[in-house]
Amino acid sequence: MGTNKLDTCRIEVKKENIKMAKENDDIRDIMDKQKKEQNLGKSSNKNKWLAFYLLAFFALIYVFLR
């Protein structure tokens, strides 16, 4: 009888550990999504500057070749 209670307790602890691990994974997923969203904003800003510099570069080339 004591062994059954001990086994039941171990099973409950395992279930709780699995539940906590899943919650931690969910939290990590949310944090990763937030980081990706922040990085997307930064990269689009970087792309805007790159496009601006390329446009200015081609405008200068056009002026010099004219």
PDB file of N, CA and C in Angstrom:
ATOM      1  N   MET A   1       0.825  -1.192   0.000  1.00  0.00           N
ATOM      2  CA  MET A   1       0.000   0.000   0.000  1.00  0.00           C
ATOM      3  C   MET A   1       0.866   1.251   0.000  1.00  0.00           C
ATOM      4  N   GLY A   2       1.948   1.234   0.801  1.00  0.00           N
ATOM      5  CA  GLY A   2       2.846   2.382   0.854  1.00  0.00           C
ATOM      6  C   GLY A   2       3.520   2.622  -0.483  1.00  0.00           C
ATOM      7  N   THR A   3       3.847   1.548  -1.178  1.00  0.00           N
ATOM      8  CA  THR A   3       4.495   1.689  -2.471  1.00  0.00           C
ATOM      9  C   THR A   3       3.557   2.347  -3.475  1.00  0.00           C
ATOM     10  N   ASN A   4       2.303   1.998  -3.416  1.00  0.00           N
ATOM     11  CA  ASN A   4       1.343   2.593  -4.341  1.00  0.00           C
ATOM     12  C   ASN A   4       1.228   4.088  -4.117  1.00  0.00           C
ATOM     13  N   LYS A   5       1.208   4.504  -2.843  1.00  0.00           N
ATOM     14  CA  LYS A   5       1.141   5.937  -2.556  1.00  0.00           C
ATOM     15  C   LYS A   5       2.398   6.639  -3.055  1.00  0.00           C
ATOM     16  N   LEU A   6       3.547   5.982  -2.858  1.00  0.00           N
ATOM     17  CA  LEU A   6       4.806   6.567  -3.315  1.00  0.00           C
ATOM     18  C   LEU A   6       4.820   6.669  -4.836  1.00  0.00           C
ATOM     19  N   ASP A   7       4.371   5.617  -5.504  1.00  0.00           N
ATOM     20  CA  ASP A   7       4.303   5.651  -6.970  1.00  0.00           C
ATOM     21  C   ASP A   7       3.353   6.740  -7.450  1.00  0.00           C
ATOM     22  N   THR A   8       2.211   6.861  -6.782  1.00  0.00           N
ATOM     23  CA  THR A   8       1.242   7.897  -7.145  1.00  0.00           C
ATOM     24  C   THR A   8       1.857   9.271  -6.976  1.00  0.00           C
ATOM     25  N   CYS A   9       2.581   9.459  -5.889  1.00  0.00           N
ATOM     26  CA  CYS A   9       3.237  10.747  -5.636  1.00  0.00           C
ATOM     27  C   CYS A   9       4.277  11.034  -6.716  1.00  0.00           C
ATOM     28  N   ARG A  10       5.055  10.034  -7.079  1.00  0.00           N
ATOM     29  CA  ARG A  10       6.070  10.217  -8.128  1.00  0.00           C
ATOM     30  C   ARG A  10       5.422  10.571  -9.463  1.00  0.00           C
ATOM     31  N   ILE A  11       4.327   9.905  -9.773  1.00  0.00           N
ATOM     32  CA  ILE A  11       3.625  10.183 -11.029  1.00  0.00           C
ATOM     33  C   ILE A  11       3.106  11.613 -11.029  1.00  0.00           C
ATOM     34  N   GLU A  12       2.552  12.049  -9.884  1.00  0.00           N
ATOM     35  CA  GLU A  12       2.046  13.418  -9.793  1.00  0.00           C
ATOM     36  C   GLU A  12       3.175  14.430  -9.957  1.00  0.00           C
ATOM     37  N   VAL A  13       4.334  14.138  -9.352  1.00  0.00           N
ATOM     38  CA  VAL A  13       5.484  15.037  -9.480  1.00  0.00           C
ATOM     39  C   VAL A  13       5.939  15.089 -10.937  1.00  0.00           C
ATOM     40  N   LYS A  14       5.978  13.946 -11.604  1.00  0.00           N
ATOM     41  CA  LYS A  14       6.364  13.921 -13.020  1.00  0.00           C
ATOM     42  C   LYS A  14       5.390  14.737 -13.862  1.00  0.00           C
ATOM     43  N   LYS A  15       4.091  14.574 -13.590  1.00  0.00           N
ATOM     44  CA  LYS A  15       3.085  15.336 -14.338  1.00  0.00           C
ATOM     45  C   LYS A  15       3.274  16.830 -14.117  1.00  0.00           C
ATOM     46  N   GLU A  16       3.547  17.215 -12.866  1.00  0.00           N
ATOM     47  CA  GLU A  16       3.753  18.633 -12.557  1.00  0.00           C
ATOM     48  C   GLU A  16       5.009  19.154 -13.260  1.00  0.00           C
ATOM     49  N   ASN A  17       6.070  18.342 -13.281  1.00  0.00           N
ATOM     50  CA  ASN A  17       7.296  18.754 -13.971  1.00  0.00           C
ATOM     51  C   ASN A  17       7.051  18.924 -15.469  1.00  0.00           C
ATOM     52  N   ILE A  18       6.291  18.014 -16.049  1.00  0.00           N
ATOM     53  CA  ILE A  18       5.970  18.116 -17.477  1.00  0.00           C
ATOM     54  C   ILE A  18       5.154  19.371 -17.748  1.00  0.00           C
ATOM     55  N   LYS A  19       4.182  19.644 -16.863  1.00  0.00           N
ATOM     56  CA  LYS A  19       3.343  20.836 -17.018  1.00  0.00           C
ATOM     57  C   LYS A  19       4.194  22.101 -16.937  1.00  0.00           C
ATOM     58  N   MET A  20       5.124  22.141 -15.975  1.00  0.00           N
ATOM     59  CA  MET A  20       5.993  23.311 -15.828  1.00  0.00           C
ATOM     60  C   MET A  20       6.907  23.463 -17.039  1.00  0.00           C
ATOM     61  N   ALA A  21       7.395  22.358 -17.564  1.00  0.00           N
ATOM     62  CA  ALA A  21       8.265  22.413 -18.743  1.00  0.00           C
ATOM     63  C   ALA A  21       7.499  22.961 -19.946  1.00  0.00           C
ATOM     64  N   LYS A  22       6.246  22.538 -20.106  1.00  0.00           N
ATOM     65  CA  LYS A  22       5.432  23.050 -21.212  1.00  0.00           C
ATOM     66  C   LYS A  22       5.180  24.543 -21.052  1.00  0.00           C
ATOM     67  N   GLU A  23       4.922  24.981 -19.809  1.00  0.00           N
ATOM     68  CA  GLU A  23       4.708  26.409 -19.565  1.00  0.00           C
ATOM     69  C   GLU A  23       5.972  27.199 -19.893  1.00  0.00           C
ATOM     70  N   ASN A  24       7.125  26.664 -19.499  1.00  0.00           N
ATOM     71  CA  ASN A  24       8.391  27.337 -19.806  1.00  0.00           C
ATOM     72  C   ASN A  24       8.616  27.423 -21.312  1.00  0.00           C
ATOM     73  N   ASP A  25       8.270  26.359 -22.032  1.00  0.00           N
ATOM     74  CA  ASP A  25       8.391  26.386 -23.494  1.00  0.00           C
ATOM     75  C   ASP A  25       7.482  27.451 -24.097  1.00  0.00           C
ATOM     76  N   ASP A  26       6.260  27.548 -23.551  1.00  0.00           N
ATOM     77  CA  ASP A  26       5.330  28.571 -24.040  1.00  0.00           C
ATOM     78  C   ASP A  26       5.891  29.965 -23.800  1.00  0.00           C
ATOM     79  N   ILE A  27       6.458  30.176 -22.613  1.00  0.00           N
ATOM     80  CA  ILE A  27       7.043  31.485 -22.290  1.00  0.00           C
ATOM     81  C   ILE A  27       8.200  31.783 -23.235  1.00  0.00           C
ATOM     82  N   ARG A  28       9.053  30.784 -23.485  1.00  0.00           N
ATOM     83  CA  ARG A  28      10.179  30.973 -24.406  1.00  0.00           C
ATOM     84  C   ARG A  28       9.688  31.303 -25.811  1.00  0.00           C
ATOM     85  N   ASP A  29       8.637  30.622 -26.247  1.00  0.00           N
ATOM     86  CA  ASP A  29       8.077  30.901 -27.575  1.00  0.00           C
ATOM     87  C   ASP A  29       7.589  32.342 -27.675  1.00  0.00           C
ATOM     88  N   ILE A  30       6.903  32.809 -26.625  1.00  0.00           N
ATOM     89  CA  ILE A  30       6.406  34.185 -26.624  1.00  0.00           C
ATOM     90  C   ILE A  30       7.568  35.164 -26.669  1.00  0.00           C
ATOM     91  N   MET A  31       8.607  34.902 -25.879  1.00  0.00           N
ATOM     92  CA  MET A  31       9.770  35.792 -25.861  1.00  0.00           C
ATOM     93  C   MET A  31      10.472  35.793 -27.216  1.00  0.00           C
ATOM     94  N   ASP A  32      10.572  34.626 -27.844  1.00  0.00           N
ATOM     95  CA  ASP A  32      11.194  34.548 -29.172  1.00  0.00           C
ATOM     96  C   ASP A  32      10.395  35.334 -30.201  1.00  0.00           C
ATOM     97  N   LYS A  33       9.065  35.236 -30.130  1.00  0.00           N
ATOM     98  CA  LYS A  33       8.222  36.000 -31.057  1.00  0.00           C
ATOM     99  C   LYS A  33       8.437  37.492 -30.877  1.00  0.00           C
ATOM    100  N   GLN A  34       8.523  37.932 -29.608  1.00  0.00           N
ATOM    101  CA  GLN A  34       8.727  39.355 -29.347  1.00  0.00           C
ATOM    102  C   GLN A  34      10.074  39.814 -29.892  1.00  0.00           C
ATOM    103  N   LYS A  35      11.109  39.003 -29.714  1.00  0.00           N
ATOM    104  CA  LYS A  35      12.430  39.361 -30.241  1.00  0.00           C
ATOM    105  C   LYS A  35      12.397  39.446 -31.762  1.00  0.00           C
ATOM    106  N   LYS A  36      11.720  38.499 -32.406  1.00  0.00           N
ATOM    107  CA  LYS A  36      11.633  38.518 -33.869  1.00  0.00           C
ATOM    108  C   LYS A  36      10.902  39.759 -34.354  1.00  0.00           C
ATOM    109  N   GLU A  37       9.824  40.125 -33.645  1.00  0.00           N
ATOM    110  CA  GLU A  37       9.082  41.322 -34.040  1.00  0.00           C
ATOM    111  C   GLU A  37       9.952  42.565 -33.907  1.00  0.00           C
ATOM    112  N   GLN A  38      10.746  42.636 -32.838  1.00  0.00           N
ATOM    113  CA  GLN A  38      11.639  43.779 -32.661  1.00  0.00           C
ATOM    114  C   GLN A  38      12.693  43.798 -33.759  1.00  0.00           C
ATOM    115  N   ASN A  39      13.230  42.629 -34.078  1.00  0.00           N
ATOM    116  CA  ASN A  39      14.254  42.550 -35.116  1.00  0.00           C
ATOM    117  C   ASN A  39      13.686  42.908 -36.483  1.00  0.00           C
ATOM    118  N   LEU A  40      12.432  42.559 -36.728  1.00  0.00           N
ATOM    119  CA  LEU A  40      11.818  42.907 -38.010  1.00  0.00           C
ATOM    120  C   LEU A  40      11.727  44.416 -38.155  1.00  0.00           C
ATOM    121  N   GLY A  41      11.384  45.106 -37.085  1.00  0.00           N
ATOM    122  CA  GLY A  41      11.308  46.559 -37.122  1.00  0.00           C
ATOM    123  C   GLY A  41      12.659  47.174 -37.394  1.00  0.00           C
ATOM    124  N   LYS A  42      13.689  46.643 -36.787  1.00  0.00           N
ATOM    125  CA  LYS A  42      15.038  47.174 -36.989  1.00  0.00           C
ATOM    126  C   LYS A  42      15.516  46.911 -38.410  1.00  0.00           C
ATOM    127  N   SER A  43      15.260  45.720 -38.915  1.00  0.00           N
ATOM    128  CA  SER A  43      15.747  45.390 -40.255  1.00  0.00           C
ATOM    129  C   SER A  43      15.034  46.218 -41.315  1.00  0.00           C
ATOM    130  N   SER A  44      13.755  46.489 -41.124  1.00  0.00           N
ATOM    131  CA  SER A  44      13.055  47.288 -42.123  1.00  0.00           C
ATOM    132  C   SER A  44      13.597  48.712 -42.126  1.00  0.00           C
ATOM    133  N   ASN A  45      13.957  49.225 -40.958  1.00  0.00           N
ATOM    134  CA  ASN A  45      14.559  50.551 -40.882  1.00  0.00           C
ATOM    135  C   ASN A  45      15.919  50.539 -41.578  1.00  0.00           C
ATOM    136  N   LYS A  46      16.657  49.463 -41.378  1.00  0.00           N
ATOM    137  CA  LYS A  46      17.960  49.320 -42.031  1.00  0.00           C
ATOM    138  C   LYS A  46      17.779  49.266 -43.547  1.00  0.00           C
ATOM    139  N   ASN A  47      16.754  48.560 -43.996  1.00  0.00           N
ATOM    140  CA  ASN A  47      16.487  48.460 -45.436  1.00  0.00           C
ATOM    141  C   ASN A  47      16.115  49.810 -46.028  1.00  0.00           C
ATOM    142  N   LYS A  48      15.398  50.625 -45.265  1.00  0.00           N
ATOM    143  CA  LYS A  48      15.040  51.958 -45.759  1.00  0.00           C
ATOM    144  C   LYS A  48      16.290  52.798 -45.985  1.00  0.00           C
ATOM    145  N   TRP A  49      17.222  52.748 -45.042  1.00  0.00           N
ATOM    146  CA  TRP A  49      18.465  53.514 -45.199  1.00  0.00           C
ATOM    147  C   TRP A  49      19.286  52.984 -46.362  1.00  0.00           C
ATOM    148  N   LEU A  50      19.327  51.669 -46.517  1.00  0.00           N
ATOM    149  CA  LEU A  50      20.064  51.078 -47.630  1.00  0.00           C
ATOM    150  C   LEU A  50      19.474  51.531 -48.964  1.00  0.00           C
ATOM    151  N   ALA A  51      18.161  51.518 -49.066  1.00  0.00           N
ATOM    152  CA  ALA A  51      17.513  51.969 -50.300  1.00  0.00           C
ATOM    153  C   ALA A  51      17.806  53.449 -50.555  1.00  0.00           C
ATOM    154  N   PHE A  52      17.790  54.249 -49.503  1.00  0.00           N
ATOM    155  CA  PHE A  52      18.079  55.679 -49.650  1.00  0.00           C
ATOM    156  C   PHE A  52      19.503  55.896 -50.160  1.00  0.00           C
ATOM    157  N   TYR A  53      20.474  55.193 -49.567  1.00  0.00           N
ATOM    158  CA  TYR A  53      21.870  55.347 -49.992  1.00  0.00           C
ATOM    159  C   TYR A  53      22.074  54.867 -51.429  1.00  0.00           C
ATOM    160  N   LEU A  54      21.429  53.774 -51.798  1.00  0.00           N
ATOM    161  CA  LEU A  54      21.548  53.292 -53.175  1.00  0.00           C
ATOM    162  C   LEU A  54      20.959  54.294 -54.157  1.00  0.00           C
ATOM    163  N   LEU A  55      19.829  54.864 -53.809  1.00  0.00           N
ATOM    164  CA  LEU A  55      19.211  55.870 -54.665  1.00  0.00           C
ATOM    165  C   LEU A  55      20.120  57.087 -54.808  1.00  0.00           C
ATOM    166  N   ALA A  56      20.701  57.528 -53.702  1.00  0.00           N
ATOM    167  CA  ALA A  56      21.609  58.677 -53.749  1.00  0.00           C
ATOM    168  C   ALA A  56      22.844  58.344 -54.583  1.00  0.00           C
ATOM    169  N   PHE A  57      23.359  57.133 -54.443  1.00  0.00           N
ATOM    170  CA  PHE A  57      24.534  56.707 -55.195  1.00  0.00           C
ATOM    171  C   PHE A  57      24.252  56.736 -56.699  1.00  0.00           C
ATOM    172  N   PHE A  58      23.113  56.173 -57.105  1.00  0.00           N
ATOM    173  CA  PHE A  58      22.776  56.163 -58.529  1.00  0.00           C
ATOM    174  C   PHE A  58      22.482  57.568 -59.044  1.00  0.00           C
ATOM    175  N   ALA A  59      21.930  58.415 -58.197  1.00  0.00           N
ATOM    176  CA  ALA A  59      21.689  59.802 -58.606  1.00  0.00           C
ATOM    177  C   ALA A  59      23.018  60.509 -58.855  1.00  0.00           C
ATOM    178  N   LEU A  60      24.005  60.271 -57.995  1.00  0.00           N
ATOM    179  CA  LEU A  60      25.329  60.875 -58.194  1.00  0.00           C
ATOM    180  C   LEU A  60      25.987  60.354 -59.465  1.00  0.00           C
ATOM    181  N   ILE A  61      25.882  59.061 -59.704  1.00  0.00           N
ATOM    182  CA  ILE A  61      26.453  58.492 -60.927  1.00  0.00           C
ATOM    183  C   ILE A  61      25.784  59.115 -62.150  1.00  0.00           C
ATOM    184  N   TYR A  62      24.473  59.277 -62.111  1.00  0.00           N
ATOM    185  CA  TYR A  62      23.741  59.883 -63.224  1.00  0.00           C
ATOM    186  C   TYR A  62      24.213  61.313 -63.471  1.00  0.00           C
ATOM    187  N   VAL A  63      24.406  62.069 -62.382  1.00  0.00           N
ATOM    188  CA  VAL A  63      24.845  63.463 -62.519  1.00  0.00           C
ATOM    189  C   VAL A  63      26.249  63.521 -63.107  1.00  0.00           C
ATOM    190  N   PHE A  64      27.144  62.653 -62.654  1.00  0.00           N
ATOM    191  CA  PHE A  64      28.523  62.688 -63.154  1.00  0.00           C
ATOM    192  C   PHE A  64      28.620  62.219 -64.606  1.00  0.00           C
ATOM    193  N   LEU A  65      27.816  61.266 -65.009  1.00  0.00           N
ATOM    194  CA  LEU A  65      27.872  60.761 -66.379  1.00  0.00           C
ATOM    195  C   LEU A  65      27.160  61.683 -67.367  1.00  0.00           C
ATOM    196  N   ARG A  66      26.345  62.529 -66.901  1.00  0.00           N
ATOM    197  CA  ARG A  66      25.587  63.423 -67.759  1.00  0.00           C
ATOM    198  C   ARG A  66      26.488  64.436 -68.300  1.00  0.00           C
TER     199      ARG A  66
END
